[in-house]
Amino acid sequence: QVQLVESGGGLVQAGESLRLSCTASRQSASGQPLFLNNMAWFRQAPGKERTFVAAARRDDGITFYSDSVKGRFTISRDNAILTVYLQMNDLKPGDTAVYYCAAGTKANIYYGPAYDYWGQGTQVTVSS
């Protein structure tokens, strides 16, 4: 069973920063090492659909961002420890949401159903 465990959420004021972390369990059910080419962050605000935030590919190192966070958020990954990070700077009240880590291998990196594994979510609240 593959598990993704997130941490780092919290309550901050507008303009402040947070860093989220997500670590994948090391081995799949077959005992083989995991190869999670795509690792991403999505978020879901109250009463709204879950939306793409950022993603990073392992094979070519390319990163992707939604327009709403580009220039403020940075995604990075440490493949040796199967961890992906989301550095969030200049946070705004509109960033308030539950943030979910996702991992998988399918090509459509912006599309939630393309990911095979999801974390439990971590709450980020930004006050004005």
Foldseek 3Di string as FASTA:
>chain_A
DKAKAKDWADEEAAQAKIKMKIFIDAADPVRDGDDFQKKFKWWDAPPGDIFGAKMAGDPPGDIDGDPVQPPFWDWDDDVVRRMIMIIGGRDDQVVWTWMKMFTHDDDPRGDDVRTDYIHPTDTHGYHD
